[in-house]
């Protein structure tokens, strides 16, 4: 288990991370989100002991993170760091051996990962010949080739198309199922929502939201209603509590001031006995993120 207790880090007069508490358990994924400059990368660097916190404590399985513990961590940085003139094999085996893995075992795992992630090419191809997407997947392999107990993934889906994003998501879920503790950062809120068990949102280094991702969404109330119905906008807008009505696909998204308004809308759209679609839900994580960023200035 990774535990951060009242972590604070300043750079001069700027508070980069302010009194951060966070726990990531084995077999759990923590989504760490926030605007650029919110303190995410600084947090990762403190966990990895690249920089020291000014206050607080960071532990893994109850003890401070040592060099031996760092051998069991997989880190995918936002700034990719592959050696362009090396082959894929040379690159991955180098990283694997740095983490104490035997060369033959690492090579066998590399071949398996190349196939699983559908990387086009051979392990003897140079990194500089790879497409951006394939290079990204090779970097992902470098992060997990040594079978880490704990992974830090900083923008793992950056630059990937939907198919390759789905491939990586599947493997991240598999790593979680095998007991790895995972913390990842992404500006792709739908990806965070799909993967995360827990969520921490930072604003200027301070936690503004934290907890179970579905619990966080429910805190904001089921104030969105998607409807496919022949009832007119005029009739819907006349219902007290309806704030906005927006065209969305084959239907409309209705934003209401209170979840209870949904009952009246449901009665209205089903008065003829049939409605094509009616879904009442809390706001998406993307909408919550935008709201919190705007309000917590």
C-alpha atoms as a PDB file:
ATOM      1  CA  UNK A   1       0.000   0.000   0.000  1.00  0.00           C
ATOM      2  CA  UNK A   2       1.207   3.481  -0.921  1.00  0.00           C
ATOM      3  CA  UNK A   3       0.478   6.112   1.719  1.00  0.00           C
ATOM      4  CA  UNK A   4       1.027   9.869   1.505  1.00  0.00           C
ATOM      5  CA  UNK A   5       0.501  11.772   4.750  1.00  0.00           C
ATOM      6  CA  UNK A   6       0.194  15.586   4.826  1.00  0.00           C
ATOM      7  CA  UNK A   7       2.689  15.998   1.989  1.00  0.00           C
ATOM      8  CA  UNK A   8       3.675  19.584   1.259  1.00  0.00           C
ATOM      9  CA  UNK A   9       6.217  20.880  -1.260  1.00  0.00           C
ATOM     10  CA  UNK A  10       7.186  24.476  -1.975  1.00  0.00           C
ATOM     11  CA  UNK A  11       9.402  25.976  -4.642  1.00  0.00           C
ATOM     12  CA  UNK A  12      10.313  29.391  -3.312  1.00  0.00           C
ATOM     13  CA  UNK A  13       7.038  31.153  -2.497  1.00  0.00           C
ATOM     14  CA  UNK A  14       4.976  28.789  -4.656  1.00  0.00           C
ATOM     15  CA  UNK A  15       3.180  25.922  -2.910  1.00  0.00           C
ATOM     16  CA  UNK A  16       3.232  23.092  -5.458  1.00  0.00           C
ATOM     17  CA  UNK A  17       1.564  20.472  -3.216  1.00  0.00           C
ATOM     18  CA  UNK A  18      -0.356  21.419  -0.093  1.00  0.00           C
ATOM     19  CA  UNK A  19      -1.137  18.960   2.728  1.00  0.00           C
ATOM     20  CA  UNK A  20      -1.829  16.002   0.433  1.00  0.00           C
ATOM     21  CA  UNK A  21      -3.146  12.772   1.949  1.00  0.00           C
ATOM     22  CA  UNK A  22      -3.610   9.790  -0.349  1.00  0.00           C
ATOM     23  CA  UNK A  23      -3.738   5.999  -0.117  1.00  0.00           C
ATOM     24  CA  UNK A  24      -3.405   3.536  -3.021  1.00  0.00           C
ATOM     25  CA  UNK A  25      -4.028  -0.101  -2.124  1.00  0.00           C
ATOM     26  CA  UNK A  26      -2.857  -3.231  -3.987  1.00  0.00           C
ATOM     27  CA  UNK A  27      -5.353  -4.127  -6.709  1.00  0.00           C
ATOM     28  CA  UNK A  28      -6.643  -0.543  -6.827  1.00  0.00           C
ATOM     29  CA  UNK A  29      -6.367   2.279  -9.355  1.00  0.00           C
ATOM     30  CA  UNK A  30      -6.142   5.886  -8.199  1.00  0.00           C
ATOM     31  CA  UNK A  31      -6.854   8.588 -10.774  1.00  0.00           C
ATOM     32  CA  UNK A  32      -4.918  11.795 -10.062  1.00  0.00           C
ATOM     33  CA  UNK A  33      -6.347  14.717 -12.021  1.00  0.00           C
ATOM     34  CA  UNK A  34      -5.992  18.471 -12.192  1.00  0.00           C
ATOM     35  CA  UNK A  35      -5.069  21.282 -14.538  1.00  0.00           C
ATOM     36  CA  UNK A  36      -1.512  21.729 -15.750  1.00  0.00           C
ATOM     37  CA  UNK A  37       0.489  22.988 -12.788  1.00  0.00           C
ATOM     38  CA  UNK A  38      -1.912  21.505 -10.222  1.00  0.00           C
ATOM     39  CA  UNK A  39       0.869  19.449  -8.572  1.00  0.00           C
ATOM     40  CA  UNK A  40       0.493  16.024 -10.193  1.00  0.00           C
ATOM     41  CA  UNK A  41       4.027  15.690 -11.573  1.00  0.00           C
ATOM     42  CA  UNK A  42       5.524  17.084  -8.358  1.00  0.00           C
ATOM     43  CA  UNK A  43       3.584  14.415  -6.450  1.00  0.00           C
ATOM     44  CA  UNK A  44       4.957  11.669  -8.700  1.00  0.00           C
ATOM     45  CA  UNK A  45       8.508  12.957  -8.266  1.00  0.00           C
ATOM     46  CA  UNK A  46       8.153  12.932  -4.493  1.00  0.00           C
ATOM     47  CA  UNK A  47       6.777   9.379  -4.506  1.00  0.00           C
ATOM     48  CA  UNK A  48       9.781   8.297  -6.581  1.00  0.00           C
ATOM     49  CA  UNK A  49      12.123  10.190  -4.230  1.00  0.00           C
ATOM     50  CA  UNK A  50      13.441  12.371  -7.061  1.00  0.00           C
ATOM     51  CA  UNK A  51      12.645  15.349  -4.832  1.00  0.00           C
ATOM     52  CA  UNK A  52      11.950  15.498  -1.096  1.00  0.00           C
ATOM     53  CA  UNK A  53       8.748  16.842   0.449  1.00  0.00           C
ATOM     54  CA  UNK A  54       9.140  19.790   2.809  1.00  0.00           C
ATOM     55  CA  UNK A  55       6.621  18.189   5.131  1.00  0.00           C
ATOM     56  CA  UNK A  56       4.903  14.838   5.549  1.00  0.00           C
ATOM     57  CA  UNK A  57       5.752  11.221   4.900  1.00  0.00           C
ATOM     58  CA  UNK A  58       5.516   8.835   1.956  1.00  0.00           C
ATOM     59  CA  UNK A  59       5.592   5.083   2.603  1.00  0.00           C
ATOM     60  CA  UNK A  60       5.163   1.843   0.688  1.00  0.00           C
ATOM     61  CA  UNK A  61       3.939  -1.105   2.775  1.00  0.00           C
ATOM     62  CA  UNK A  62       4.557   0.948   5.896  1.00  0.00           C
ATOM     63  CA  UNK A  63       8.182   1.927   5.291  1.00  0.00           C
ATOM     64  CA  UNK A  64       9.846   4.881   3.526  1.00  0.00           C
ATOM     65  CA  UNK A  65      10.597   4.300  -0.151  1.00  0.00           C
ATOM     66  CA  UNK A  66      14.155   2.992  -0.507  1.00  0.00           C
ATOM     67  CA  UNK A  67      16.218   2.119  -3.570  1.00  0.00           C
ATOM     68  CA  UNK A  68      15.156  -1.525  -3.199  1.00  0.00           C
ATOM     69  CA  UNK A  69      11.480  -0.507  -3.178  1.00  0.00           C
ATOM     70  CA  UNK A  70      12.004   1.687  -6.243  1.00  0.00           C
ATOM     71  CA  UNK A  71      13.143  -1.448  -8.079  1.00  0.00           C
ATOM     72  CA  UNK A  72       9.562  -2.690  -7.734  1.00  0.00           C
ATOM     73  CA  UNK A  73       7.997   0.494  -9.155  1.00  0.00           C
ATOM     74  CA  UNK A  74       7.101   0.975 -12.810  1.00  0.00           C
ATOM     75  CA  UNK A  75       7.119   4.608 -13.963  1.00  0.00           C
ATOM     76  CA  UNK A  76       5.768   5.894 -17.267  1.00  0.00           C
ATOM     77  CA  UNK A  77       6.711   9.599 -17.448  1.00  0.00           C
ATOM     78  CA  UNK A  78       4.761  12.128 -19.476  1.00  0.00           C
ATOM     79  CA  UNK A  79       8.000  13.053 -21.239  1.00  0.00           C
ATOM     80  CA  UNK A  80       8.837   9.839 -23.093  1.00  0.00           C
ATOM     81  CA  UNK A  81      12.432   8.664 -22.783  1.00  0.00           C
ATOM     82  CA  UNK A  82      13.305   5.984 -25.335  1.00  0.00           C
ATOM     83  CA  UNK A  83      16.764   5.841 -26.885  1.00  0.00           C
ATOM     84  CA  UNK A  84      16.033   6.347 -30.564  1.00  0.00           C
ATOM     85  CA  UNK A  85      19.116   4.593 -31.994  1.00  0.00           C
ATOM     86  CA  UNK A  86      18.713   1.407 -29.960  1.00  0.00           C
ATOM     87  CA  UNK A  87      16.593  -1.539 -31.055  1.00  0.00           C
ATOM     88  CA  UNK A  88      13.406  -2.361 -29.165  1.00  0.00           C
ATOM     89  CA  UNK A  89      15.144  -5.406 -27.709  1.00  0.00           C
ATOM     90  CA  UNK A  90      18.202  -3.469 -26.552  1.00  0.00           C
ATOM     91  CA  UNK A  91      15.998  -0.813 -25.013  1.00  0.00           C
ATOM     92  CA  UNK A  92      13.633  -3.095 -23.084  1.00  0.00           C
ATOM     93  CA  UNK A  93      16.272  -5.547 -21.915  1.00  0.00           C
ATOM     94  CA  UNK A  94      18.378  -2.659 -20.627  1.00  0.00           C
ATOM     95  CA  UNK A  95      15.499  -1.383 -18.480  1.00  0.00           C
ATOM     96  CA  UNK A  96      14.608  -4.910 -17.329  1.00  0.00           C
ATOM     97  CA  UNK A  97      18.162  -5.613 -16.198  1.00  0.00           C
ATOM     98  CA  UNK A  98      18.291  -2.312 -14.320  1.00  0.00           C
ATOM     99  CA  UNK A  99      15.407  -3.691 -12.256  1.00  0.00           C
ATOM    100  CA  UNK A 100      17.187  -6.996 -11.609  1.00  0.00           C
ATOM    101  CA  UNK A 101      15.465  -9.113 -14.248  1.00  0.00           C
ATOM    102  CA  UNK A 102      17.358 -11.826 -16.120  1.00  0.00           C
ATOM    103  CA  UNK A 103      17.990 -11.083 -19.774  1.00  0.00           C
ATOM    104  CA  UNK A 104      16.529 -14.339 -21.156  1.00  0.00           C
ATOM    105  CA  UNK A 105      13.357 -13.984 -19.081  1.00  0.00           C
ATOM    106  CA  UNK A 106      12.942 -10.346 -20.133  1.00  0.00           C
ATOM    107  CA  UNK A 107      13.370 -11.220 -23.800  1.00  0.00           C
ATOM    108  CA  UNK A 108      10.683 -13.905 -23.550  1.00  0.00           C
ATOM    109  CA  UNK A 109       8.301 -11.433 -21.894  1.00  0.00           C
ATOM    110  CA  UNK A 110       9.101  -8.778 -24.511  1.00  0.00           C
ATOM    111  CA  UNK A 111       8.040 -11.057 -27.357  1.00  0.00           C
ATOM    112  CA  UNK A 112       4.798 -11.811 -25.517  1.00  0.00           C
ATOM    113  CA  UNK A 113       4.090  -8.116 -24.879  1.00  0.00           C
ATOM    114  CA  UNK A 114       4.837  -7.175 -28.490  1.00  0.00           C
ATOM    115  CA  UNK A 115       2.134  -9.615 -29.541  1.00  0.00           C
ATOM    116  CA  UNK A 116      -0.369  -8.583 -26.839  1.00  0.00           C
ATOM    117  CA  UNK A 117      -0.065  -4.888 -27.671  1.00  0.00           C
ATOM    118  CA  UNK A 118      -0.108  -5.530 -31.434  1.00  0.00           C
ATOM    119  CA  UNK A 119       3.129  -3.641 -32.031  1.00  0.00           C
ATOM    120  CA  UNK A 120       4.009  -3.587 -35.720  1.00  0.00           C
ATOM    121  CA  UNK A 121       7.603  -4.691 -36.313  1.00  0.00           C
ATOM    122  CA  UNK A 122      10.296  -6.924 -34.849  1.00  0.00           C
ATOM    123  CA  UNK A 123      12.197  -6.640 -31.590  1.00  0.00           C
ATOM    124  CA  UNK A 124      15.322  -5.963 -33.672  1.00  0.00           C
ATOM    125  CA  UNK A 125      13.782  -2.789 -35.174  1.00  0.00           C
ATOM    126  CA  UNK A 126      15.278   0.488 -34.009  1.00  0.00           C
ATOM    127  CA  UNK A 127      13.064   2.719 -31.888  1.00  0.00           C
ATOM    128  CA  UNK A 128      13.468   5.597 -34.353  1.00  0.00           C
ATOM    129  CA  UNK A 129      11.657   3.574 -37.037  1.00  0.00           C
ATOM    130  CA  UNK A 130       8.493   3.194 -34.936  1.00  0.00           C
ATOM    131  CA  UNK A 131       5.312   5.185 -35.374  1.00  0.00           C
ATOM    132  CA  UNK A 132       4.340   7.423 -32.472  1.00  0.00           C
ATOM    133  CA  UNK A 133       1.698   4.958 -31.309  1.00  0.00           C
ATOM    134  CA  UNK A 134       4.028   1.947 -31.425  1.00  0.00           C
ATOM    135  CA  UNK A 135       6.766   3.897 -29.631  1.00  0.00           C
ATOM    136  CA  UNK A 136       4.235   4.743 -26.932  1.00  0.00           C
ATOM    137  CA  UNK A 137       3.401   1.060 -26.502  1.00  0.00           C
ATOM    138  CA  UNK A 138       7.091   0.139 -26.324  1.00  0.00           C
ATOM    139  CA  UNK A 139       7.497   2.744 -23.568  1.00  0.00           C
ATOM    140  CA  UNK A 140       4.571   1.089 -21.775  1.00  0.00           C
ATOM    141  CA  UNK A 141       6.349  -2.274 -21.998  1.00  0.00           C
ATOM    142  CA  UNK A 142       9.501  -0.701 -20.545  1.00  0.00           C
ATOM    143  CA  UNK A 143       7.387   0.426 -17.578  1.00  0.00           C
ATOM    144  CA  UNK A 144       6.037  -3.012 -16.709  1.00  0.00           C
ATOM    145  CA  UNK A 145       8.532  -5.529 -18.103  1.00  0.00           C
ATOM    146  CA  UNK A 146       9.960  -6.150 -14.604  1.00  0.00           C
ATOM    147  CA  UNK A 147       6.484  -6.970 -13.231  1.00  0.00           C
ATOM    148  CA  UNK A 148       6.215  -4.097 -10.748  1.00  0.00           C
ATOM    149  CA  UNK A 149       4.075  -4.162  -7.620  1.00  0.00           C
ATOM    150  CA  UNK A 150       3.255  -0.478  -8.052  1.00  0.00           C
ATOM    151  CA  UNK A 151       2.893   1.600 -11.224  1.00  0.00           C
ATOM    152  CA  UNK A 152       2.843   5.340 -11.844  1.00  0.00           C
ATOM    153  CA  UNK A 153       1.422   6.189 -15.263  1.00  0.00           C
ATOM    154  CA  UNK A 154       1.598   9.841 -16.309  1.00  0.00           C
ATOM    155  CA  UNK A 155      -0.654  10.478 -19.346  1.00  0.00           C
ATOM    156  CA  UNK A 156      -0.447   6.845 -20.579  1.00  0.00           C
ATOM    157  CA  UNK A 157      -2.908   7.404 -23.457  1.00  0.00           C
ATOM    158  CA  UNK A 158      -1.361  10.581 -24.867  1.00  0.00           C
ATOM    159  CA  UNK A 159      -1.212  10.414 -28.665  1.00  0.00           C
ATOM    160  CA  UNK A 160      -2.952   7.028 -28.942  1.00  0.00           C
ATOM    161  CA  UNK A 161      -5.931   6.304 -31.168  1.00  0.00           C
ATOM    162  CA  UNK A 162      -9.080   4.737 -29.605  1.00  0.00           C
ATOM    163  CA  UNK A 163      -8.069   1.165 -30.537  1.00  0.00           C
ATOM    164  CA  UNK A 164      -4.629   1.426 -28.916  1.00  0.00           C
ATOM    165  CA  UNK A 165      -6.075   3.290 -25.941  1.00  0.00           C
ATOM    166  CA  UNK A 166      -8.444   0.372 -25.422  1.00  0.00           C
ATOM    167  CA  UNK A 167      -5.525  -2.097 -25.626  1.00  0.00           C
ATOM    168  CA  UNK A 168      -3.615  -0.261 -22.904  1.00  0.00           C
ATOM    169  CA  UNK A 169      -6.722   0.100 -20.751  1.00  0.00           C
ATOM    170  CA  UNK A 170      -7.265  -3.659 -20.909  1.00  0.00           C
ATOM    171  CA  UNK A 171      -3.687  -4.339 -19.800  1.00  0.00           C
ATOM    172  CA  UNK A 172      -3.907  -1.784 -16.979  1.00  0.00           C
ATOM    173  CA  UNK A 173      -7.034  -3.562 -15.736  1.00  0.00           C
ATOM    174  CA  UNK A 174      -5.186  -6.903 -15.946  1.00  0.00           C
ATOM    175  CA  UNK A 175      -2.310  -5.483 -13.888  1.00  0.00           C
ATOM    176  CA  UNK A 176      -4.830  -4.306 -11.309  1.00  0.00           C
ATOM    177  CA  UNK A 177      -6.486  -7.763 -11.268  1.00  0.00           C
ATOM    178  CA  UNK A 178      -3.063  -9.280 -10.582  1.00  0.00           C
ATOM    179  CA  UNK A 179      -2.680  -7.115  -7.481  1.00  0.00           C
ATOM    180  CA  UNK A 180      -0.694  -4.103  -8.670  1.00  0.00           C
ATOM    181  CA  UNK A 181      -1.322  -0.729  -7.046  1.00  0.00           C
ATOM    182  CA  UNK A 182      -1.678   1.867  -9.796  1.00  0.00           C
ATOM    183  CA  UNK A 183      -1.792   5.639  -9.805  1.00  0.00           C
ATOM    184  CA  UNK A 184      -2.284   7.429 -13.082  1.00  0.00           C
ATOM    185  CA  UNK A 185      -2.839  10.909 -14.391  1.00  0.00           C
ATOM    186  CA  UNK A 186      -4.730  11.818 -17.537  1.00  0.00           C
ATOM    187  CA  UNK A 187      -6.556  14.719 -19.137  1.00  0.00           C
ATOM    188  CA  UNK A 188      -8.871  12.147 -20.715  1.00  0.00           C
ATOM    189  CA  UNK A 189     -11.678  12.248 -18.148  1.00  0.00           C
ATOM    190  CA  UNK A 190     -13.638   9.420 -19.773  1.00  0.00           C
ATOM    191  CA  UNK A 191     -10.559   7.206 -19.421  1.00  0.00           C
ATOM    192  CA  UNK A 192     -10.161   8.200 -15.766  1.00  0.00           C
ATOM    193  CA  UNK A 193     -13.833   7.427 -15.169  1.00  0.00           C
ATOM    194  CA  UNK A 194     -13.580   4.000 -16.816  1.00  0.00           C
ATOM    195  CA  UNK A 195     -10.401   2.908 -15.013  1.00  0.00           C
ATOM    196  CA  UNK A 196     -10.325   4.513 -11.582  1.00  0.00           C
ATOM    197  CA  UNK A 197     -11.572   3.038  -8.316  1.00  0.00           C
ATOM    198  CA  UNK A 198     -10.583   6.151  -6.376  1.00  0.00           C
ATOM    199  CA  UNK A 199     -10.051   9.733  -7.469  1.00  0.00           C
ATOM    200  CA  UNK A 200      -7.975  12.650  -6.216  1.00  0.00           C
ATOM    201  CA  UNK A 201      -8.480  16.052  -7.852  1.00  0.00           C
ATOM    202  CA  UNK A 202      -5.883  18.755  -7.240  1.00  0.00           C
ATOM    203  CA  UNK A 203      -6.290  22.487  -7.695  1.00  0.00           C
ATOM    204  CA  UNK A 204      -3.153  24.582  -7.176  1.00  0.00           C
ATOM    205  CA  UNK A 205      -1.633  21.753  -5.157  1.00  0.00           C
ATOM    206  CA  UNK A 206      -4.598  21.285  -2.846  1.00  0.00           C
ATOM    207  CA  UNK A 207      -7.162  18.465  -2.820  1.00  0.00           C
ATOM    208  CA  UNK A 208     -10.603  19.673  -3.902  1.00  0.00           C
ATOM    209  CA  UNK A 209     -12.203  16.234  -4.396  1.00  0.00           C
ATOM    210  CA  UNK A 210     -11.203  12.792  -3.184  1.00  0.00           C
ATOM    211  CA  UNK A 211     -12.894   9.424  -2.786  1.00  0.00           C
ATOM    212  CA  UNK A 212     -14.712   6.654  -4.609  1.00  0.00           C
ATOM    213  CA  UNK A 213     -15.364   7.858  -8.148  1.00  0.00           C
ATOM    214  CA  UNK A 214     -19.047   6.882  -8.175  1.00  0.00           C
ATOM    215  CA  UNK A 215     -19.551   8.387  -4.742  1.00  0.00           C
ATOM    216  CA  UNK A 216     -18.020  11.644  -5.973  1.00  0.00           C
ATOM    217  CA  UNK A 217     -20.377  11.751  -8.958  1.00  0.00           C
ATOM    218  CA  UNK A 218     -23.397  11.021  -6.759  1.00  0.00           C
ATOM    219  CA  UNK A 219     -22.488  13.953  -4.475  1.00  0.00           C
ATOM    220  CA  UNK A 220     -23.411  16.262  -7.337  1.00  0.00           C
ATOM    221  CA  UNK A 221     -26.892  14.740  -7.653  1.00  0.00           C
ATOM    222  CA  UNK A 222     -28.655  13.127 -10.588  1.00  0.00           C
ATOM    223  CA  UNK A 223     -29.264  16.451 -12.284  1.00  0.00           C
ATOM    224  CA  UNK A 224     -28.873  15.349 -15.897  1.00  0.00           C
ATOM    225  CA  UNK A 225     -31.647  13.652 -17.807  1.00  0.00           C
ATOM    226  CA  UNK A 226     -31.248  12.259 -21.304  1.00  0.00           C
ATOM    227  CA  UNK A 227     -34.578  11.913 -23.109  1.00  0.00           C
ATOM    228  CA  UNK A 228     -35.690  10.663 -26.497  1.00  0.00           C
ATOM    229  CA  UNK A 229     -39.318  11.725 -26.723  1.00  0.00           C
ATOM    230  CA  UNK A 230     -41.791  13.595 -28.926  1.00  0.00           C
ATOM    231  CA  UNK A 231     -42.608  16.059 -26.115  1.00  0.00           C
ATOM    232  CA  UNK A 232     -41.613  19.562 -27.238  1.00  0.00           C
ATOM    233  CA  UNK A 233     -38.841  21.700 -25.747  1.00  0.00           C
ATOM    234  CA  UNK A 234     -41.493  24.253 -24.829  1.00  0.00           C
ATOM    235  CA  UNK A 235     -43.442  21.766 -22.725  1.00  0.00           C
ATOM    236  CA  UNK A 236     -40.262  20.513 -21.038  1.00  0.00           C
ATOM    237  CA  UNK A 237     -38.961  24.028 -20.359  1.00  0.00           C
ATOM    238  CA  UNK A 238     -42.272  24.888 -18.661  1.00  0.00           C
ATOM    239  CA  UNK A 239     -41.508  22.375 -15.884  1.00  0.00           C
ATOM    240  CA  UNK A 240     -40.230  24.137 -12.754  1.00  0.00           C
ATOM    241  CA  UNK A 241     -36.591  23.263 -12.110  1.00  0.00           C
ATOM    242  CA  UNK A 242     -35.579  22.686 -15.737  1.00  0.00           C
ATOM    243  CA  UNK A 243     -32.522  24.862 -16.336  1.00  0.00           C
ATOM    244  CA  UNK A 244     -31.323  24.011 -19.842  1.00  0.00           C
ATOM    245  CA  UNK A 245     -32.273  21.723 -22.719  1.00  0.00           C
ATOM    246  CA  UNK A 246     -29.604  20.765 -25.248  1.00  0.00           C
ATOM    247  CA  UNK A 247     -29.824  18.677 -28.401  1.00  0.00           C
ATOM    248  CA  UNK A 248     -27.698  15.532 -27.995  1.00  0.00           C
ATOM    249  CA  UNK A 249     -27.643  12.846 -30.665  1.00  0.00           C
ATOM    250  CA  UNK A 250     -31.136  11.490 -31.261  1.00  0.00           C
ATOM    251  CA  UNK A 251     -32.424  13.059 -28.068  1.00  0.00           C
ATOM    252  CA  UNK A 252     -31.974  15.935 -25.630  1.00  0.00           C
ATOM    253  CA  UNK A 253     -29.977  16.470 -22.439  1.00  0.00           C
ATOM    254  CA  UNK A 254     -31.974  18.267 -19.772  1.00  0.00           C
ATOM    255  CA  UNK A 255     -30.160  19.890 -16.847  1.00  0.00           C
ATOM    256  CA  UNK A 256     -32.301  20.335 -13.740  1.00  0.00           C
ATOM    257  CA  UNK A 257     -31.790  22.207 -10.477  1.00  0.00           C
ATOM    258  CA  UNK A 258     -32.778  19.220  -8.341  1.00  0.00           C
ATOM    259  CA  UNK A 259     -32.926  15.485  -8.949  1.00  0.00           C
ATOM    260  CA  UNK A 260     -36.572  15.393  -7.812  1.00  0.00           C
ATOM    261  CA  UNK A 261     -37.542  17.290 -10.970  1.00  0.00           C
ATOM    262  CA  UNK A 262     -36.871  14.054 -12.828  1.00  0.00           C
ATOM    263  CA  UNK A 263     -40.149  12.586 -11.580  1.00  0.00           C
ATOM    264  CA  UNK A 264     -42.197  15.313 -13.244  1.00  0.00           C
ATOM    265  CA  UNK A 265     -40.195  15.084 -16.471  1.00  0.00           C
ATOM    266  CA  UNK A 266     -40.697  11.317 -16.518  1.00  0.00           C
ATOM    267  CA  UNK A 267     -44.445  11.757 -16.026  1.00  0.00           C
ATOM    268  CA  UNK A 268     -44.559  14.292 -18.859  1.00  0.00           C
ATOM    269  CA  UNK A 269     -42.609  12.266 -21.433  1.00  0.00           C
ATOM    270  CA  UNK A 270     -44.423   8.999 -20.641  1.00  0.00           C
ATOM    271  CA  UNK A 271     -47.942  10.425 -20.697  1.00  0.00           C
ATOM    272  CA  UNK A 272     -48.578   8.695 -24.014  1.00  0.00           C
ATOM    273  CA  UNK A 273     -47.416   5.413 -22.480  1.00  0.00           C
ATOM    274  CA  UNK A 274     -44.116   5.070 -24.330  1.00  0.00           C
ATOM    275  CA  UNK A 275     -40.740   6.845 -24.355  1.00  0.00           C
ATOM    276  CA  UNK A 276     -37.777   5.881 -26.513  1.00  0.00           C
ATOM    277  CA  UNK A 277     -35.160   6.669 -23.852  1.00  0.00           C
ATOM    278  CA  UNK A 278     -35.017   8.174 -20.357  1.00  0.00           C
ATOM    279  CA  UNK A 279     -31.802   8.178 -18.325  1.00  0.00           C
ATOM    280  CA  UNK A 280     -31.270  10.246 -15.178  1.00  0.00           C
ATOM    281  CA  UNK A 281     -27.653  10.390 -14.042  1.00  0.00           C
ATOM    282  CA  UNK A 282     -25.131  12.530 -12.141  1.00  0.00           C
ATOM    283  CA  UNK A 283     -22.786  14.766 -14.149  1.00  0.00           C
ATOM    284  CA  UNK A 284     -19.846  13.133 -15.895  1.00  0.00           C
ATOM    285  CA  UNK A 285     -16.365  13.409 -14.447  1.00  0.00           C
ATOM    286  CA  UNK A 286     -15.469  15.795 -17.242  1.00  0.00           C
ATOM    287  CA  UNK A 287     -18.322  18.111 -16.244  1.00  0.00           C
ATOM    288  CA  UNK A 288     -17.384  17.879 -12.565  1.00  0.00           C
ATOM    289  CA  UNK A 289     -13.768  18.676 -13.417  1.00  0.00           C
ATOM    290  CA  UNK A 290     -14.766  21.780 -15.371  1.00  0.00           C
ATOM    291  CA  UNK A 291     -17.085  22.909 -12.578  1.00  0.00           C
ATOM    292  CA  UNK A 292     -14.476  22.471  -9.838  1.00  0.00           C
ATOM    293  CA  UNK A 293     -11.768  24.187 -11.865  1.00  0.00           C
ATOM    294  CA  UNK A 294     -14.094  27.157 -12.466  1.00  0.00           C
ATOM    295  CA  UNK A 295     -15.318  27.434  -8.860  1.00  0.00           C
ATOM    296  CA  UNK A 296     -12.172  26.711  -6.869  1.00  0.00           C
ATOM    297  CA  UNK A 297     -10.011  29.537  -8.138  1.00  0.00           C
END
